[in-house]
Amino acid sequence: MAEYERSRTMPAQPEQVFDQAANVAQFDSWLPDELHVDAEEPPAVTVHEAGSGQDLPALLRSQPDQMRLEWGTREQGSYTGWLQVAGIGSGTSEVTVHLSFFEGGHDPGERAVYEALDGSLRRLEEQVRMRVEHTAG
C-alpha cells in the first residue's frame, strides 16, 4: 500500500474553501486534468481516467459538518482518499488531501502523485480566490 499527502494554505474561511471543494459540478476546474467525475446518484459517482480511458465506479461522501470529502473505488477497492479543510485563523484555511493506493497497478508513483496533488491544490486555491474576490467585490 502506498500513501500520499499534501497540504496548502488558502486565503479564505474554511466554509468557503469547503463549499468550493465539495461542488461536484466544478470538480473539473481543480482535479487533475486526467480525472473527470460524473455524479450519478450520490454517493455513487463515476471517475473517468483520461489516460487509461477507463470509467471506474466510485463513491464520494461529503461531510459538511466536518468539512471533509471522502472517496474511493466501489468494486475493486484499489484506492481511497480524503480532503479535509481546517480553519487556521485570520481568515485562512489549510486544505489537506490524502490518497491511499491498495494495488500497485493503480499507483502512478510518488512523483506523479505529488505533482497531481500540488497542481490540484493550486487550482483549488485559484478557484477559492476567484470566489472570494467575486463575493467581496
N, C-alpha and C. Protein backbone atom coordinates (compact mmCIF):
# COMPACT_ATOMS: atom_id res chain seq x y z
N MET A 1 0.84 -1.18 0.00
CA MET A 1 0.00 0.00 0.00
C MET A 1 0.88 1.24 0.00
N ALA A 2 0.50 2.23 -0.79
CA ALA A 2 1.22 3.49 -0.85
C ALA A 2 0.29 4.62 -0.41
N GLU A 3 0.81 5.54 0.39
CA GLU A 3 0.02 6.66 0.87
C GLU A 3 0.75 7.97 0.58
N TYR A 4 -0.04 8.97 0.19
CA TYR A 4 0.50 10.27 -0.17
C TYR A 4 -0.37 11.35 0.45
N GLU A 5 0.26 12.47 0.82
CA GLU A 5 -0.50 13.55 1.42
C GLU A 5 0.17 14.89 1.12
N ARG A 6 -0.67 15.89 0.86
CA ARG A 6 -0.19 17.25 0.63
C ARG A 6 -1.16 18.22 1.28
N SER A 7 -0.65 19.37 1.71
CA SER A 7 -1.48 20.42 2.30
C SER A 7 -1.13 21.76 1.67
N ARG A 8 -2.09 22.67 1.75
CA ARG A 8 -1.88 24.02 1.22
C ARG A 8 -2.75 25.00 2.01
N THR A 9 -2.18 26.14 2.30
CA THR A 9 -2.91 27.21 2.97
C THR A 9 -3.65 28.03 1.93
N MET A 10 -4.90 28.40 2.25
CA MET A 10 -5.72 29.16 1.31
C MET A 10 -6.29 30.39 2.02
N PRO A 11 -6.38 31.51 1.28
CA PRO A 11 -6.80 32.78 1.87
C PRO A 11 -8.32 32.96 1.95
N ALA A 12 -8.97 32.09 2.68
CA ALA A 12 -10.43 32.17 2.80
C ALA A 12 -10.88 31.40 4.04
N GLN A 13 -12.11 31.70 4.45
CA GLN A 13 -12.70 30.98 5.57
C GLN A 13 -12.88 29.50 5.19
N PRO A 14 -12.77 28.60 6.15
CA PRO A 14 -12.89 27.17 5.83
C PRO A 14 -14.20 26.80 5.15
N GLU A 15 -15.29 27.45 5.51
CA GLU A 15 -16.59 27.15 4.88
C GLU A 15 -16.56 27.48 3.39
N GLN A 16 -15.93 28.60 3.04
CA GLN A 16 -15.83 28.99 1.64
C GLN A 16 -14.98 27.99 0.86
N VAL A 17 -13.89 27.56 1.46
CA VAL A 17 -12.99 26.60 0.81
C VAL A 17 -13.70 25.27 0.63
N PHE A 18 -14.36 24.79 1.68
CA PHE A 18 -15.05 23.51 1.58
C PHE A 18 -16.17 23.56 0.55
N ASP A 19 -16.95 24.65 0.54
CA ASP A 19 -18.04 24.77 -0.43
C ASP A 19 -17.50 24.67 -1.86
N GLN A 20 -16.36 25.29 -2.12
CA GLN A 20 -15.77 25.22 -3.46
C GLN A 20 -15.27 23.81 -3.74
N ALA A 21 -14.57 23.22 -2.80
CA ALA A 21 -14.01 21.87 -3.00
C ALA A 21 -15.11 20.83 -3.19
N ALA A 22 -16.22 20.98 -2.48
CA ALA A 22 -17.28 19.97 -2.49
C ALA A 22 -18.28 20.14 -3.63
N ASN A 23 -18.12 21.16 -4.44
CA ASN A 23 -19.05 21.41 -5.54
C ASN A 23 -18.72 20.46 -6.70
N VAL A 24 -19.46 19.36 -6.79
CA VAL A 24 -19.19 18.32 -7.79
C VAL A 24 -19.22 18.89 -9.21
N ALA A 25 -20.08 19.85 -9.46
CA ALA A 25 -20.19 20.43 -10.80
C ALA A 25 -18.92 21.17 -11.21
N GLN A 26 -18.07 21.53 -10.23
CA GLN A 26 -16.84 22.26 -10.53
C GLN A 26 -15.58 21.45 -10.25
N PHE A 27 -15.71 20.16 -10.02
CA PHE A 27 -14.53 19.32 -9.77
C PHE A 27 -13.50 19.43 -10.90
N ASP A 28 -13.98 19.47 -12.14
CA ASP A 28 -13.05 19.51 -13.28
C ASP A 28 -12.16 20.74 -13.26
N SER A 29 -12.56 21.79 -12.55
CA SER A 29 -11.75 23.00 -12.51
C SER A 29 -10.53 22.87 -11.61
N TRP A 30 -10.51 21.86 -10.74
CA TRP A 30 -9.34 21.74 -9.86
C TRP A 30 -8.75 20.33 -9.77
N LEU A 31 -9.49 19.32 -10.16
CA LEU A 31 -8.93 17.96 -10.15
C LEU A 31 -7.86 17.83 -11.24
N PRO A 32 -7.00 16.82 -11.13
CA PRO A 32 -6.02 16.60 -12.22
C PRO A 32 -6.74 16.48 -13.56
N ASP A 33 -6.10 16.98 -14.62
CA ASP A 33 -6.72 17.01 -15.95
C ASP A 33 -7.19 15.64 -16.42
N GLU A 34 -6.52 14.58 -15.99
CA GLU A 34 -6.86 13.25 -16.49
C GLU A 34 -8.04 12.61 -15.74
N LEU A 35 -8.57 13.28 -14.71
CA LEU A 35 -9.71 12.74 -13.96
C LEU A 35 -10.94 13.58 -14.17
N HIS A 36 -12.06 12.91 -14.43
CA HIS A 36 -13.34 13.59 -14.57
C HIS A 36 -14.37 12.82 -13.77
N VAL A 37 -15.15 13.53 -12.97
CA VAL A 37 -16.13 12.90 -12.10
C VAL A 37 -17.52 13.19 -12.63
N ASP A 38 -18.30 12.12 -12.77
CA ASP A 38 -19.68 12.22 -13.20
C ASP A 38 -20.55 11.75 -12.03
N ALA A 39 -21.27 12.68 -11.43
CA ALA A 39 -22.14 12.32 -10.30
C ALA A 39 -23.37 11.61 -10.84
N GLU A 40 -23.62 10.42 -10.35
CA GLU A 40 -24.79 9.65 -10.75
C GLU A 40 -25.89 9.90 -9.73
N GLU A 41 -25.92 9.07 -8.74
CA GLU A 41 -26.84 9.23 -7.62
C GLU A 41 -25.99 9.21 -6.36
N PRO A 42 -25.52 10.40 -5.94
CA PRO A 42 -24.60 10.44 -4.80
C PRO A 42 -25.11 9.60 -3.65
N PRO A 43 -24.20 8.84 -3.06
CA PRO A 43 -22.75 8.99 -3.15
C PRO A 43 -22.09 8.28 -4.34
N ALA A 44 -22.88 7.66 -5.22
CA ALA A 44 -22.30 6.96 -6.37
C ALA A 44 -21.84 7.97 -7.42
N VAL A 45 -20.62 7.80 -7.89
CA VAL A 45 -20.06 8.62 -8.96
C VAL A 45 -19.26 7.71 -9.88
N THR A 46 -18.94 8.21 -11.05
CA THR A 46 -18.05 7.52 -11.96
C THR A 46 -16.85 8.41 -12.19
N VAL A 47 -15.67 7.85 -12.09
CA VAL A 47 -14.44 8.59 -12.34
C VAL A 47 -13.88 8.12 -13.66
N HIS A 48 -13.72 9.04 -14.59
CA HIS A 48 -13.14 8.72 -15.89
C HIS A 48 -11.67 9.10 -15.85
N GLU A 49 -10.81 8.11 -16.12
CA GLU A 49 -9.37 8.33 -16.19
C GLU A 49 -9.01 8.49 -17.66
N ALA A 50 -8.71 9.72 -18.07
CA ALA A 50 -8.43 10.01 -19.48
C ALA A 50 -7.23 9.22 -19.99
N GLY A 51 -6.22 9.05 -19.17
CA GLY A 51 -5.01 8.33 -19.60
C GLY A 51 -5.29 6.89 -19.99
N SER A 52 -6.10 6.21 -19.18
CA SER A 52 -6.40 4.80 -19.45
C SER A 52 -7.70 4.64 -20.23
N GLY A 53 -8.53 5.68 -20.26
CA GLY A 53 -9.82 5.59 -20.93
C GLY A 53 -10.85 4.82 -20.11
N GLN A 54 -10.50 4.48 -18.87
CA GLN A 54 -11.39 3.68 -18.03
C GLN A 54 -12.39 4.55 -17.28
N ASP A 55 -13.57 4.00 -17.08
CA ASP A 55 -14.56 4.57 -16.19
C ASP A 55 -14.63 3.67 -14.97
N LEU A 56 -14.34 4.25 -13.80
CA LEU A 56 -14.33 3.48 -12.57
C LEU A 56 -15.49 3.88 -11.68
N PRO A 57 -16.31 2.91 -11.25
CA PRO A 57 -17.36 3.23 -10.30
C PRO A 57 -16.72 3.60 -8.96
N ALA A 58 -17.17 4.69 -8.38
CA ALA A 58 -16.60 5.16 -7.12
C ALA A 58 -17.69 5.71 -6.21
N LEU A 59 -17.30 5.99 -4.98
CA LEU A 59 -18.19 6.61 -4.00
C LEU A 59 -17.59 7.94 -3.59
N LEU A 60 -18.43 8.92 -3.36
CA LEU A 60 -18.00 10.23 -2.89
C LEU A 60 -18.93 10.63 -1.76
N ARG A 61 -18.35 10.86 -0.61
CA ARG A 61 -19.16 11.28 0.54
C ARG A 61 -18.70 12.67 0.98
N SER A 62 -19.67 13.54 1.14
CA SER A 62 -19.40 14.89 1.63
C SER A 62 -19.91 14.99 3.06
N GLN A 63 -19.06 15.49 3.95
CA GLN A 63 -19.44 15.67 5.35
C GLN A 63 -19.23 17.15 5.70
N PRO A 64 -20.19 18.01 5.32
CA PRO A 64 -20.03 19.44 5.53
C PRO A 64 -19.80 19.83 6.99
N ASP A 65 -20.44 19.13 7.93
CA ASP A 65 -20.25 19.47 9.34
C ASP A 65 -18.82 19.24 9.80
N GLN A 66 -18.10 18.37 9.10
CA GLN A 66 -16.69 18.12 9.42
C GLN A 66 -15.75 18.72 8.38
N MET A 67 -16.32 19.37 7.35
CA MET A 67 -15.57 19.94 6.23
C MET A 67 -14.61 18.91 5.64
N ARG A 68 -15.20 17.77 5.30
CA ARG A 68 -14.42 16.63 4.81
C ARG A 68 -15.12 15.97 3.63
N LEU A 69 -14.33 15.61 2.62
CA LEU A 69 -14.77 14.79 1.50
C LEU A 69 -14.02 13.47 1.58
N GLU A 70 -14.69 12.38 1.30
CA GLU A 70 -14.05 11.06 1.24
C GLU A 70 -14.48 10.38 -0.04
N TRP A 71 -13.56 9.64 -0.67
CA TRP A 71 -13.89 8.95 -1.91
C TRP A 71 -13.08 7.67 -2.02
N GLY A 72 -13.53 6.83 -2.94
CA GLY A 72 -12.81 5.59 -3.20
C GLY A 72 -13.53 4.78 -4.27
N THR A 73 -12.80 3.84 -4.83
CA THR A 73 -13.39 2.98 -5.84
C THR A 73 -14.38 2.04 -5.16
N ARG A 74 -15.45 1.70 -5.89
CA ARG A 74 -16.52 0.89 -5.31
C ARG A 74 -16.24 -0.60 -5.37
N GLU A 75 -15.91 -1.10 -6.54
CA GLU A 75 -15.89 -2.55 -6.72
C GLU A 75 -14.53 -3.16 -6.44
N GLN A 76 -13.47 -2.59 -6.98
CA GLN A 76 -12.18 -3.22 -6.79
C GLN A 76 -11.44 -2.74 -5.56
N GLY A 77 -11.86 -1.63 -4.94
CA GLY A 77 -11.20 -1.16 -3.73
C GLY A 77 -9.73 -0.84 -3.94
N SER A 78 -9.37 -0.29 -5.10
CA SER A 78 -7.96 -0.06 -5.41
C SER A 78 -7.40 1.22 -4.81
N TYR A 79 -8.25 2.23 -4.56
CA TYR A 79 -7.74 3.43 -3.90
C TYR A 79 -8.84 4.16 -3.15
N THR A 80 -8.42 4.96 -2.17
CA THR A 80 -9.31 5.83 -1.42
C THR A 80 -8.60 7.15 -1.20
N GLY A 81 -9.36 8.12 -0.80
CA GLY A 81 -8.76 9.41 -0.49
C GLY A 81 -9.70 10.26 0.33
N TRP A 82 -9.15 11.33 0.85
CA TRP A 82 -9.96 12.30 1.57
C TRP A 82 -9.36 13.69 1.44
N LEU A 83 -10.23 14.68 1.62
CA LEU A 83 -9.84 16.08 1.63
C LEU A 83 -10.43 16.66 2.90
N GLN A 84 -9.59 17.36 3.66
CA GLN A 84 -10.02 17.96 4.92
C GLN A 84 -9.68 19.44 4.91
N VAL A 85 -10.65 20.27 5.28
CA VAL A 85 -10.43 21.71 5.39
C VAL A 85 -10.46 22.09 6.86
N ALA A 86 -9.47 22.87 7.29
CA ALA A 86 -9.40 23.33 8.68
C ALA A 86 -9.11 24.82 8.71
N GLY A 87 -9.82 25.54 9.57
CA GLY A 87 -9.53 26.95 9.76
C GLY A 87 -8.26 27.11 10.58
N ILE A 88 -7.43 28.05 10.17
CA ILE A 88 -6.19 28.28 10.93
C ILE A 88 -6.10 29.73 11.40
N GLY A 89 -7.22 30.44 11.38
CA GLY A 89 -7.28 31.80 11.90
C GLY A 89 -7.00 32.85 10.86
N SER A 90 -7.35 34.08 11.20
CA SER A 90 -7.12 35.24 10.34
C SER A 90 -7.70 35.08 8.95
N GLY A 91 -8.83 34.39 8.82
CA GLY A 91 -9.47 34.24 7.53
C GLY A 91 -8.73 33.33 6.57
N THR A 92 -7.91 32.44 7.09
CA THR A 92 -7.20 31.47 6.24
C THR A 92 -7.56 30.05 6.64
N SER A 93 -7.31 29.15 5.73
CA SER A 93 -7.62 27.73 5.94
C SER A 93 -6.47 26.87 5.44
N GLU A 94 -6.44 25.66 5.93
CA GLU A 94 -5.49 24.68 5.41
C GLU A 94 -6.29 23.52 4.83
N VAL A 95 -5.94 23.15 3.61
CA VAL A 95 -6.58 22.02 2.95
C VAL A 95 -5.56 20.90 2.85
N THR A 96 -5.95 19.73 3.30
CA THR A 96 -5.09 18.55 3.22
C THR A 96 -5.79 17.50 2.37
N VAL A 97 -5.04 16.93 1.43
CA VAL A 97 -5.56 15.84 0.60
C VAL A 97 -4.67 14.62 0.85
N HIS A 98 -5.32 13.48 1.05
CA HIS A 98 -4.61 12.23 1.33
C HIS A 98 -5.11 11.16 0.36
N LEU A 99 -4.19 10.42 -0.24
CA LEU A 99 -4.54 9.32 -1.14
C LEU A 99 -3.89 8.03 -0.66
N SER A 100 -4.62 6.94 -0.74
CA SER A 100 -4.10 5.61 -0.42
C SER A 100 -4.37 4.70 -1.61
N PHE A 101 -3.32 4.05 -2.10
CA PHE A 101 -3.43 3.09 -3.21
C PHE A 101 -3.17 1.71 -2.65
N PHE A 102 -4.12 0.79 -2.85
CA PHE A 102 -4.01 -0.55 -2.30
C PHE A 102 -3.43 -1.54 -3.29
N GLU A 103 -3.44 -1.18 -4.56
CA GLU A 103 -2.89 -2.04 -5.61
C GLU A 103 -1.84 -1.26 -6.38
N GLY A 104 -0.70 -1.86 -6.58
CA GLY A 104 0.39 -1.19 -7.29
C GLY A 104 0.01 -0.72 -8.68
N GLY A 105 -0.87 -1.42 -9.35
CA GLY A 105 -1.26 -1.08 -10.71
C GLY A 105 -1.98 0.26 -10.82
N HIS A 106 -2.58 0.71 -9.73
CA HIS A 106 -3.30 1.98 -9.75
C HIS A 106 -2.45 3.13 -9.23
N ASP A 107 -1.33 2.82 -8.59
CA ASP A 107 -0.44 3.85 -8.05
C ASP A 107 0.46 4.37 -9.17
N PRO A 108 0.29 5.63 -9.57
CA PRO A 108 1.11 6.16 -10.66
C PRO A 108 2.54 6.51 -10.24
N GLY A 109 2.85 6.35 -8.97
CA GLY A 109 4.19 6.65 -8.49
C GLY A 109 4.26 7.97 -7.74
N GLU A 110 5.24 8.05 -6.85
CA GLU A 110 5.37 9.19 -5.94
C GLU A 110 5.43 10.53 -6.67
N ARG A 111 6.29 10.65 -7.64
CA ARG A 111 6.46 11.93 -8.33
C ARG A 111 5.15 12.38 -9.01
N ALA A 112 4.52 11.46 -9.73
CA ALA A 112 3.29 11.79 -10.43
C ALA A 112 2.17 12.17 -9.46
N VAL A 113 2.07 11.45 -8.35
CA VAL A 113 1.02 11.74 -7.38
C VAL A 113 1.25 13.10 -6.74
N TYR A 114 2.48 13.38 -6.30
CA TYR A 114 2.73 14.68 -5.66
C TYR A 114 2.55 15.84 -6.63
N GLU A 115 2.93 15.65 -7.89
CA GLU A 115 2.70 16.71 -8.89
C GLU A 115 1.20 16.94 -9.09
N ALA A 116 0.43 15.86 -9.14
CA ALA A 116 -1.02 15.97 -9.30
C ALA A 116 -1.66 16.63 -8.08
N LEU A 117 -1.24 16.23 -6.88
CA LEU A 117 -1.80 16.83 -5.67
C LEU A 117 -1.46 18.31 -5.58
N ASP A 118 -0.20 18.65 -5.83
CA ASP A 118 0.22 20.05 -5.76
C ASP A 118 -0.55 20.89 -6.79
N GLY A 119 -0.68 20.37 -8.01
CA GLY A 119 -1.42 21.08 -9.05
C GLY A 119 -2.89 21.25 -8.70
N SER A 120 -3.50 20.21 -8.16
CA SER A 120 -4.91 20.27 -7.78
C SER A 120 -5.13 21.29 -6.67
N LEU A 121 -4.27 21.28 -5.67
CA LEU A 121 -4.41 22.24 -4.58
C LEU A 121 -4.19 23.67 -5.07
N ARG A 122 -3.27 23.86 -5.99
CA ARG A 122 -3.03 25.19 -6.56
C ARG A 122 -4.27 25.67 -7.32
N ARG A 123 -4.85 24.79 -8.14
CA ARG A 123 -6.06 25.16 -8.90
C ARG A 123 -7.25 25.41 -7.97
N LEU A 124 -7.37 24.61 -6.91
CA LEU A 124 -8.44 24.83 -5.95
C LEU A 124 -8.26 26.20 -5.29
N GLU A 125 -7.03 26.54 -4.94
CA GLU A 125 -6.78 27.86 -4.35
C GLU A 125 -7.18 28.98 -5.32
N GLU A 126 -6.87 28.81 -6.60
CA GLU A 126 -7.26 29.81 -7.60
C GLU A 126 -8.78 29.95 -7.66
N GLN A 127 -9.49 28.82 -7.63
CA GLN A 127 -10.96 28.86 -7.64
C GLN A 127 -11.50 29.56 -6.39
N VAL A 128 -10.90 29.26 -5.24
CA VAL A 128 -11.33 29.88 -3.99
C VAL A 128 -11.07 31.39 -4.05
N ARG A 129 -9.89 31.78 -4.53
CA ARG A 129 -9.58 33.22 -4.63
C ARG A 129 -10.60 33.94 -5.52
N MET A 130 -10.91 33.36 -6.67
CA MET A 130 -11.89 33.98 -7.57
C MET A 130 -13.25 34.11 -6.89
N ARG A 131 -13.64 33.08 -6.17
CA ARG A 131 -14.94 33.09 -5.48
C ARG A 131 -14.96 34.16 -4.40
N VAL A 132 -13.90 34.24 -3.60
CA VAL A 132 -13.83 35.21 -2.51
C VAL A 132 -13.79 36.63 -3.07
N GLU A 133 -13.00 36.85 -4.11
CA GLU A 133 -12.91 38.18 -4.71
C GLU A 133 -14.25 38.58 -5.32
N HIS A 134 -14.94 37.62 -5.95
CA HIS A 134 -16.24 37.90 -6.57
C HIS A 134 -17.28 38.25 -5.49
N THR A 135 -17.24 37.53 -4.37
CA THR A 135 -18.19 37.77 -3.29
C THR A 135 -17.92 39.11 -2.62
N ALA A 136 -16.63 39.44 -2.49
CA ALA A 136 -16.25 40.70 -1.82
C ALA A 136 -16.49 41.91 -2.71
N GLY A 137 -16.39 41.72 -4.04
CA GLY A 137 -16.46 42.85 -4.96
C GLY A 137 -17.83 43.06 -5.44
